[in-house]
């Protein structure tokens, strides 16, 4: 059971890095239009969409990915506590 919890925790941790990479891609022109950017976008956008409905942008800055990462990290901590890792 701990193995499942560890795999789930690691998956959440890696997914948060996908979100960070997607954020960094917005700093470079046409990075999100590349094949890698489109792949990461298909993975990350469905998760970020609900947060964008609740977290308003601050001018040109979208804060929803930060909230999404915090929720992922809290979920990872919950997984660790639940599975006793």
PDB file of N, CA and C in Angstrom:
ATOM      1  N   UNK A   1       0.821  -1.189   0.000  1.00  0.00           N
ATOM      2  CA  UNK A   1       0.000   0.000   0.000  1.00  0.00           C
ATOM      3  C   UNK A   1       0.870   1.260   0.000  1.00  0.00           C
ATOM      4  N   UNK A   2       2.002   1.176   0.684  1.00  0.00           N
ATOM      5  CA  UNK A   2       2.896   2.332   0.703  1.00  0.00           C
ATOM      6  C   UNK A   2       3.474   2.610  -0.676  1.00  0.00           C
ATOM      7  N   UNK A   3       3.663   1.560  -1.467  1.00  0.00           N
ATOM      8  CA  UNK A   3       4.189   1.745  -2.818  1.00  0.00           C
ATOM      9  C   UNK A   3       3.212   2.549  -3.669  1.00  0.00           C
ATOM     10  N   UNK A   4       1.935   2.251  -3.549  1.00  0.00           N
ATOM     11  CA  UNK A   4       0.922   3.002  -4.289  1.00  0.00           C
ATOM     12  C   UNK A   4       0.917   4.456  -3.841  1.00  0.00           C
ATOM     13  N   UNK A   5       0.990   4.671  -2.550  1.00  0.00           N
ATOM     14  CA  UNK A   5       1.034   6.038  -2.029  1.00  0.00           C
ATOM     15  C   UNK A   5       2.261   6.783  -2.498  1.00  0.00           C
ATOM     16  N   UNK A   6       3.401   6.102  -2.516  1.00  0.00           N
ATOM     17  CA  UNK A   6       4.632   6.736  -2.979  1.00  0.00           C
ATOM     18  C   UNK A   6       4.551   7.091  -4.461  1.00  0.00           C
ATOM     19  N   UNK A   7       4.011   6.185  -5.269  1.00  0.00           N
ATOM     20  CA  UNK A   7       3.857   6.466  -6.701  1.00  0.00           C
ATOM     21  C   UNK A   7       2.899   7.636  -6.936  1.00  0.00           C
ATOM     22  N   UNK A   8       1.815   7.666  -6.187  1.00  0.00           N
ATOM     23  CA  UNK A   8       0.852   8.766  -6.326  1.00  0.00           C
ATOM     24  C   UNK A   8       1.470  10.090  -5.901  1.00  0.00           C
ATOM     25  N   UNK A   9       2.211  10.063  -4.806  1.00  0.00           N
ATOM     26  CA  UNK A   9       2.883  11.280  -4.343  1.00  0.00           C
ATOM     27  C   UNK A   9       3.899  11.775  -5.375  1.00  0.00           C
ATOM     28  N   UNK A  10       4.675  10.863  -5.933  1.00  0.00           N
ATOM     29  CA  UNK A  10       5.660  11.237  -6.948  1.00  0.00           C
ATOM     30  C   UNK A  10       4.984  11.769  -8.212  1.00  0.00           C
ATOM     31  N   UNK A  11       3.857  11.178  -8.595  1.00  0.00           N
ATOM     32  CA  UNK A  11       3.132  11.650  -9.777  1.00  0.00           C
ATOM     33  C   UNK A  11       2.634  13.076  -9.570  1.00  0.00           C
ATOM     34  N   UNK A  12       2.118  13.375  -8.388  1.00  0.00           N
ATOM     35  CA  UNK A  12       1.664  14.738  -8.097  1.00  0.00           C
ATOM     36  C   UNK A  12       2.834  15.715  -8.102  1.00  0.00           C
ATOM     37  N   UNK A  13       3.962  15.279  -7.574  1.00  0.00           N
ATOM     38  CA  UNK A  13       5.164  16.122  -7.528  1.00  0.00           C
ATOM     39  C   UNK A  13       5.671  16.424  -8.942  1.00  0.00           C
ATOM     40  N   UNK A  14       5.703  15.423  -9.789  1.00  0.00           N
ATOM     41  CA  UNK A  14       6.160  15.603 -11.176  1.00  0.00           C
ATOM     42  C   UNK A  14       5.173  16.481 -11.948  1.00  0.00           C
ATOM     43  N   UNK A  15       3.876  16.288 -11.702  1.00  0.00           N
ATOM     44  CA  UNK A  15       2.859  17.092 -12.382  1.00  0.00           C
ATOM     45  C   UNK A  15       3.012  18.578 -12.042  1.00  0.00           C
ATOM     46  N   UNK A  16       3.414  18.870 -10.807  1.00  0.00           N
ATOM     47  CA  UNK A  16       3.619  20.273 -10.442  1.00  0.00           C
ATOM     48  C   UNK A  16       4.774  20.871 -11.245  1.00  0.00           C
ATOM     49  N   UNK A  17       5.767  20.065 -11.580  1.00  0.00           N
ATOM     50  CA  UNK A  17       6.852  20.567 -12.420  1.00  0.00           C
ATOM     51  C   UNK A  17       6.400  20.779 -13.862  1.00  0.00           C
ATOM     52  N   UNK A  18       5.449  19.985 -14.322  1.00  0.00           N
ATOM     53  CA  UNK A  18       4.869  20.250 -15.638  1.00  0.00           C
ATOM     54  C   UNK A  18       4.187  21.614 -15.651  1.00  0.00           C
ATOM     55  N   UNK A  19       3.490  21.935 -14.575  1.00  0.00           N
ATOM     56  CA  UNK A  19       2.817  23.238 -14.481  1.00  0.00           C
ATOM     57  C   UNK A  19       3.854  24.361 -14.473  1.00  0.00           C
ATOM     58  N   UNK A  20       4.922  24.191 -13.711  1.00  0.00           N
ATOM     59  CA  UNK A  20       5.985  25.204 -13.669  1.00  0.00           C
ATOM     60  C   UNK A  20       6.603  25.378 -15.053  1.00  0.00           C
ATOM     61  N   UNK A  21       6.853  24.285 -15.743  1.00  0.00           N
ATOM     62  CA  UNK A  21       7.390  24.369 -17.104  1.00  0.00           C
ATOM     63  C   UNK A  21       6.442  25.082 -18.048  1.00  0.00           C
ATOM     64  N   UNK A  22       5.158  24.832 -17.888  1.00  0.00           N
ATOM     65  CA  UNK A  22       4.166  25.493 -18.729  1.00  0.00           C
ATOM     66  C   UNK A  22       4.124  26.991 -18.459  1.00  0.00           C
ATOM     67  N   UNK A  23       4.288  27.362 -17.202  1.00  0.00           N
ATOM     68  CA  UNK A  23       4.349  28.784 -16.851  1.00  0.00           C
ATOM     69  C   UNK A  23       5.576  29.425 -17.491  1.00  0.00           C
ATOM     70  N   UNK A  24       6.712  28.761 -17.384  1.00  0.00           N
ATOM     71  CA  UNK A  24       7.946  29.313 -17.954  1.00  0.00           C
ATOM     72  C   UNK A  24       7.872  29.437 -19.475  1.00  0.00           C
ATOM     73  N   UNK A  25       7.133  28.550 -20.109  1.00  0.00           N
ATOM     74  CA  UNK A  25       6.983  28.631 -21.564  1.00  0.00           C
ATOM     75  C   UNK A  25       6.283  29.917 -21.992  1.00  0.00           C
ATOM     76  N   UNK A  26       5.466  30.484 -21.115  1.00  0.00           N
ATOM     77  CA  UNK A  26       4.766  31.714 -21.486  1.00  0.00           C
ATOM     78  C   UNK A  26       5.722  32.899 -21.572  1.00  0.00           C
ATOM     79  N   UNK A  27       6.904  32.772 -21.026  1.00  0.00           N
ATOM     80  CA  UNK A  27       7.883  33.854 -21.073  1.00  0.00           C
ATOM     81  C   UNK A  27       8.620  33.920 -22.410  1.00  0.00           C
ATOM     82  N   UNK A  28       8.587  32.839 -23.174  1.00  0.00           N
ATOM     83  CA  UNK A  28       9.323  32.771 -24.432  1.00  0.00           C
ATOM     84  C   UNK A  28       8.347  32.773 -25.598  1.00  0.00           C
ATOM     85  N   UNK A  29       8.622  33.586 -26.619  1.00  0.00           N
ATOM     86  CA  UNK A  29       7.713  33.664 -27.766  1.00  0.00           C
ATOM     87  C   UNK A  29       7.582  32.311 -28.470  1.00  0.00           C
ATOM     88  N   UNK A  30       6.369  31.938 -28.779  1.00  0.00           N
ATOM     89  CA  UNK A  30       6.035  30.735 -29.542  1.00  0.00           C
ATOM     90  C   UNK A  30       6.446  29.426 -28.867  1.00  0.00           C
ATOM     91  N   UNK A  31       6.807  29.433 -27.599  1.00  0.00           N
ATOM     92  CA  UNK A  31       7.189  28.190 -26.931  1.00  0.00           C
ATOM     93  C   UNK A  31       5.974  27.286 -26.726  1.00  0.00           C
ATOM     94  N   UNK A  32       4.834  27.882 -26.453  1.00  0.00           N
ATOM     95  CA  UNK A  32       3.632  27.061 -26.244  1.00  0.00           C
ATOM     96  C   UNK A  32       3.076  26.520 -27.554  1.00  0.00           C
ATOM     97  N   UNK A  33       3.488  27.099 -28.677  1.00  0.00           N
ATOM     98  CA  UNK A  33       3.023  26.614 -29.965  1.00  0.00           C
ATOM     99  C   UNK A  33       3.895  25.485 -30.500  1.00  0.00           C
ATOM    100  N   UNK A  34       5.030  25.222 -29.869  1.00  0.00           N
ATOM    101  CA  UNK A  34       5.885  24.114 -30.302  1.00  0.00           C
ATOM    102  C   UNK A  34       5.210  22.796 -29.953  1.00  0.00           C
ATOM    103  N   UNK A  35       5.751  21.698 -30.475  1.00  0.00           N
ATOM    104  CA  UNK A  35       5.142  20.396 -30.192  1.00  0.00           C
ATOM    105  C   UNK A  35       5.239  20.053 -28.707  1.00  0.00           C
ATOM    106  N   UNK A  36       6.345  20.407 -28.073  1.00  0.00           N
ATOM    107  CA  UNK A  36       6.484  20.174 -26.639  1.00  0.00           C
ATOM    108  C   UNK A  36       5.497  21.035 -25.855  1.00  0.00           C
ATOM    109  N   UNK A  37       5.357  22.292 -26.248  1.00  0.00           N
ATOM    110  CA  UNK A  37       4.419  23.195 -25.585  1.00  0.00           C
ATOM    111  C   UNK A  37       2.981  22.732 -25.716  1.00  0.00           C
ATOM    112  N   UNK A  38       2.622  22.227 -26.872  1.00  0.00           N
ATOM    113  CA  UNK A  38       1.266  21.721 -27.068  1.00  0.00           C
ATOM    114  C   UNK A  38       1.019  20.465 -26.256  1.00  0.00           C
ATOM    115  N   UNK A  39       2.034  19.607 -26.148  1.00  0.00           N
ATOM    116  CA  UNK A  39       1.919  18.398 -25.334  1.00  0.00           C
ATOM    117  C   UNK A  39       1.704  18.747 -23.862  1.00  0.00           C
ATOM    118  N   UNK A  40       2.533  19.652 -23.357  1.00  0.00           N
ATOM    119  CA  UNK A  40       2.413  20.062 -21.958  1.00  0.00           C
ATOM    120  C   UNK A  40       1.081  20.780 -21.733  1.00  0.00           C
ATOM    121  N   UNK A  41       0.657  21.576 -22.696  1.00  0.00           N
ATOM    122  CA  UNK A  41      -0.623  22.267 -22.588  1.00  0.00           C
ATOM    123  C   UNK A  41      -1.792  21.306 -22.505  1.00  0.00           C
ATOM    124  N   UNK A  42      -1.759  20.225 -23.288  1.00  0.00           N
ATOM    125  CA  UNK A  42      -2.830  19.230 -23.231  1.00  0.00           C
ATOM    126  C   UNK A  42      -2.871  18.534 -21.871  1.00  0.00           C
ATOM    127  N   UNK A  43      -1.730  18.423 -21.228  1.00  0.00           N
ATOM    128  CA  UNK A  43      -1.683  17.774 -19.922  1.00  0.00           C
ATOM    129  C   UNK A  43      -2.101  18.731 -18.809  1.00  0.00           C
ATOM    130  N   UNK A  44      -1.678  19.987 -18.894  1.00  0.00           N
ATOM    131  CA  UNK A  44      -1.826  20.936 -17.794  1.00  0.00           C
ATOM    132  C   UNK A  44      -3.129  21.740 -17.855  1.00  0.00           C
ATOM    133  N   UNK A  45      -3.556  22.123 -19.020  1.00  0.00           N
ATOM    134  CA  UNK A  45      -4.720  23.009 -19.148  1.00  0.00           C
ATOM    135  C   UNK A  45      -6.007  22.464 -18.513  1.00  0.00           C
ATOM    136  N   UNK A  46      -6.333  21.180 -18.649  1.00  0.00           N
ATOM    137  CA  UNK A  46      -7.571  20.708 -17.989  1.00  0.00           C
ATOM    138  C   UNK A  46      -7.543  20.882 -16.470  1.00  0.00           C
ATOM    139  N   UNK A  47      -6.378  20.794 -15.864  1.00  0.00           N
ATOM    140  CA  UNK A  47      -6.273  20.992 -14.416  1.00  0.00           C
ATOM    141  C   UNK A  47      -6.335  22.470 -14.049  1.00  0.00           C
ATOM    142  N   UNK A  48      -5.744  23.332 -14.873  1.00  0.00           N
ATOM    143  CA  UNK A  48      -5.710  24.762 -14.568  1.00  0.00           C
ATOM    144  C   UNK A  48      -7.037  25.464 -14.821  1.00  0.00           C
ATOM    145  N   UNK A  49      -7.845  24.915 -15.705  1.00  0.00           N
ATOM    146  CA  UNK A  49      -9.102  25.573 -16.104  1.00  0.00           C
ATOM    147  C   UNK A  49     -10.025  25.898 -14.926  1.00  0.00           C
ATOM    148  N   UNK A  50     -10.289  24.978 -14.000  1.00  0.00           N
ATOM    149  CA  UNK A  50     -11.172  25.338 -12.872  1.00  0.00           C
ATOM    150  C   UNK A  50     -10.594  26.438 -11.988  1.00  0.00           C
ATOM    151  N   UNK A  51      -9.278  26.489 -11.855  1.00  0.00           N
ATOM    152  CA  UNK A  51      -8.667  27.521 -11.019  1.00  0.00           C
ATOM    153  C   UNK A  51      -8.789  28.896 -11.664  1.00  0.00           C
ATOM    154  N   UNK A  52      -8.779  28.940 -12.978  1.00  0.00           N
ATOM    155  CA  UNK A  52      -8.918  30.220 -13.674  1.00  0.00           C
ATOM    156  C   UNK A  52     -10.306  30.811 -13.498  1.00  0.00           C
ATOM    157  N   UNK A  53     -11.294  29.969 -13.210  1.00  0.00           N
ATOM    158  CA  UNK A  53     -12.657  30.463 -12.982  1.00  0.00           C
ATOM    159  C   UNK A  53     -12.771  31.158 -11.629  1.00  0.00           C
ATOM    160  N   UNK A  54     -11.964  30.720 -10.649  1.00  0.00           N
ATOM    161  CA  UNK A  54     -12.088  31.243  -9.294  1.00  0.00           C
ATOM    162  C   UNK A  54     -11.029  32.264  -8.913  1.00  0.00           C
ATOM    163  N   UNK A  55      -9.880  32.205  -9.557  1.00  0.00           N
ATOM    164  CA  UNK A  55      -8.782  33.113  -9.212  1.00  0.00           C
ATOM    165  C   UNK A  55      -8.676  34.164 -10.315  1.00  0.00           C
ATOM    166  N   UNK A  56      -9.036  35.404 -10.024  1.00  0.00           N
ATOM    167  CA  UNK A  56      -8.977  36.436 -11.066  1.00  0.00           C
ATOM    168  C   UNK A  56      -7.529  36.826 -11.371  1.00  0.00           C
ATOM    169  N   UNK A  57      -7.242  37.175 -12.620  1.00  0.00           N
ATOM    170  CA  UNK A  57      -5.884  37.626 -12.943  1.00  0.00           C
ATOM    171  C   UNK A  57      -5.600  38.981 -12.308  1.00  0.00           C
ATOM    172  N   UNK A  58      -4.349  39.201 -12.018  1.00  0.00           N
ATOM    173  CA  UNK A  58      -3.901  40.455 -11.427  1.00  0.00           C
ATOM    174  C   UNK A  58      -3.235  41.258 -12.548  1.00  0.00           C
ATOM    175  N   UNK A  59      -4.027  42.014 -13.286  1.00  0.00           N
ATOM    176  CA  UNK A  59      -3.505  42.711 -14.457  1.00  0.00           C
ATOM    177  C   UNK A  59      -3.179  41.693 -15.531  1.00  0.00           C
ATOM    178  N   UNK A  60      -1.912  41.632 -15.909  1.00  0.00           N
ATOM    179  CA  UNK A  60      -1.452  40.670 -16.915  1.00  0.00           C
ATOM    180  C   UNK A  60      -0.936  39.378 -16.292  1.00  0.00           C
ATOM    181  N   UNK A  61      -0.973  39.269 -14.983  1.00  0.00           N
ATOM    182  CA  UNK A  61      -0.400  38.120 -14.284  1.00  0.00           C
ATOM    183  C   UNK A  61      -1.519  37.154 -13.890  1.00  0.00           C
ATOM    184  N   UNK A  62      -1.378  35.911 -14.313  1.00  0.00           N
ATOM    185  CA  UNK A  62      -2.333  34.861 -13.985  1.00  0.00           C
ATOM    186  C   UNK A  62      -1.829  34.127 -12.740  1.00  0.00           C
ATOM    187  N   UNK A  63      -2.555  34.248 -11.652  1.00  0.00           N
ATOM    188  CA  UNK A  63      -2.148  33.629 -10.395  1.00  0.00           C
ATOM    189  C   UNK A  63      -2.703  32.220 -10.212  1.00  0.00           C
ATOM    190  N   UNK A  64      -3.566  31.782 -11.111  1.00  0.00           N
ATOM    191  CA  UNK A  64      -4.193  30.474 -10.953  1.00  0.00           C
ATOM    192  C   UNK A  64      -3.191  29.314 -10.950  1.00  0.00           C
ATOM    193  N   UNK A  65      -2.101  29.342 -11.736  1.00  0.00           N
ATOM    194  CA  UNK A  65      -1.153  28.229 -11.632  1.00  0.00           C
ATOM    195  C   UNK A  65      -0.485  28.130 -10.260  1.00  0.00           C
ATOM    196  N   UNK A  66      -0.281  29.249  -9.608  1.00  0.00           N
ATOM    197  CA  UNK A  66       0.325  29.220  -8.274  1.00  0.00           C
ATOM    198  C   UNK A  66      -0.630  28.541  -7.295  1.00  0.00           C
ATOM    199  N   UNK A  67      -1.903  28.892  -7.371  1.00  0.00           N
ATOM    200  CA  UNK A  67      -2.901  28.261  -6.501  1.00  0.00           C
ATOM    201  C   UNK A  67      -3.004  26.769  -6.830  1.00  0.00           C
ATOM    202  N   UNK A  68      -2.948  26.433  -8.118  1.00  0.00           N
ATOM    203  CA  UNK A  68      -3.027  25.034  -8.527  1.00  0.00           C
ATOM    204  C   UNK A  68      -1.848  24.232  -7.982  1.00  0.00           C
ATOM    205  N   UNK A  69      -0.655  24.805  -8.000  1.00  0.00           N
ATOM    206  CA  UNK A  69       0.521  24.115  -7.464  1.00  0.00           C
ATOM    207  C   UNK A  69       0.396  23.943  -5.956  1.00  0.00           C
ATOM    208  N   UNK A  70      -0.103  24.949  -5.270  1.00  0.00           N
ATOM    209  CA  UNK A  70      -0.291  24.828  -3.822  1.00  0.00           C
ATOM    210  C   UNK A  70      -1.273  23.700  -3.507  1.00  0.00           C
ATOM    211  N   UNK A  71      -2.354  23.604  -4.278  1.00  0.00           N
ATOM    212  CA  UNK A  71      -3.328  22.532  -4.063  1.00  0.00           C
ATOM    213  C   UNK A  71      -2.687  21.173  -4.330  1.00  0.00           C
ATOM    214  N   UNK A  72      -1.866  21.079  -5.369  1.00  0.00           N
ATOM    215  CA  UNK A  72      -1.166  19.819  -5.650  1.00  0.00           C
ATOM    216  C   UNK A  72      -0.239  19.427  -4.512  1.00  0.00           C
ATOM    217  N   UNK A  73       0.502  20.381  -4.000  1.00  0.00           N
ATOM    218  CA  UNK A  73       1.424  20.092  -2.896  1.00  0.00           C
ATOM    219  C   UNK A  73       0.660  19.679  -1.641  1.00  0.00           C
ATOM    220  N   UNK A  74      -0.472  20.325  -1.368  1.00  0.00           N
ATOM    221  CA  UNK A  74      -1.300  19.925  -0.227  1.00  0.00           C
ATOM    222  C   UNK A  74      -1.861  18.511  -0.426  1.00  0.00           C
ATOM    223  N   UNK A  75      -2.262  18.210  -1.649  1.00  0.00           N
ATOM    224  CA  UNK A  75      -2.750  16.859  -1.940  1.00  0.00           C
ATOM    225  C   UNK A  75      -1.639  15.834  -1.768  1.00  0.00           C
ATOM    226  N   UNK A  76      -0.422  16.189  -2.179  1.00  0.00           N
ATOM    227  CA  UNK A  76       0.719  15.292  -1.980  1.00  0.00           C
ATOM    228  C   UNK A  76       0.986  15.036  -0.509  1.00  0.00           C
ATOM    229  N   UNK A  77       0.853  16.075   0.304  1.00  0.00           N
ATOM    230  CA  UNK A  77       1.002  15.905   1.739  1.00  0.00           C
ATOM    231  C   UNK A  77      -0.100  15.042   2.325  1.00  0.00           C
ATOM    232  N   UNK A  78      -1.298  15.187   1.797  1.00  0.00           N
ATOM    233  CA  UNK A  78      -2.407  14.342   2.237  1.00  0.00           C
ATOM    234  C   UNK A  78      -2.199  12.888   1.866  1.00  0.00           C
ATOM    235  N   UNK A  79      -1.649  12.652   0.684  1.00  0.00           N
ATOM    236  CA  UNK A  79      -1.344  11.289   0.251  1.00  0.00           C
ATOM    237  C   UNK A  79      -0.285  10.684   1.170  1.00  0.00           C
ATOM    238  N   UNK A  80       0.725  11.480   1.504  1.00  0.00           N
ATOM    239  CA  UNK A  80       1.770  10.976   2.399  1.00  0.00           C
ATOM    240  C   UNK A  80       1.198  10.619   3.766  1.00  0.00           C
ATOM    241  N   UNK A  81       0.310  11.459   4.274  1.00  0.00           N
ATOM    242  CA  UNK A  81      -0.283  11.193   5.586  1.00  0.00           C
ATOM    243  C   UNK A  81      -1.222   9.979   5.529  1.00  0.00           C
ATOM    244  N   UNK A  82      -1.977   9.865   4.433  1.00  0.00           N
ATOM    245  CA  UNK A  82      -2.936   8.791   4.305  1.00  0.00           C
ATOM    246  C   UNK A  82      -2.257   7.424   4.183  1.00  0.00           C
ATOM    247  N   UNK A  83      -1.169   7.370   3.412  1.00  0.00           N
ATOM    248  CA  UNK A  83      -0.482   6.104   3.191  1.00  0.00           C
ATOM    249  C   UNK A  83       0.678   5.882   4.153  1.00  0.00           C
ATOM    250  N   UNK A  84       0.965   6.824   5.017  1.00  0.00           N
ATOM    251  CA  UNK A  84       2.023   6.657   6.004  1.00  0.00           C
ATOM    252  C   UNK A  84       3.406   6.577   5.403  1.00  0.00           C
ATOM    253  N   UNK A  85       3.670   7.444   4.457  1.00  0.00           N
ATOM    254  CA  UNK A  85       4.992   7.442   3.795  1.00  0.00           C
ATOM    255  C   UNK A  85       5.954   8.267   4.599  1.00  0.00           C
TER     256      UNK A  85
END
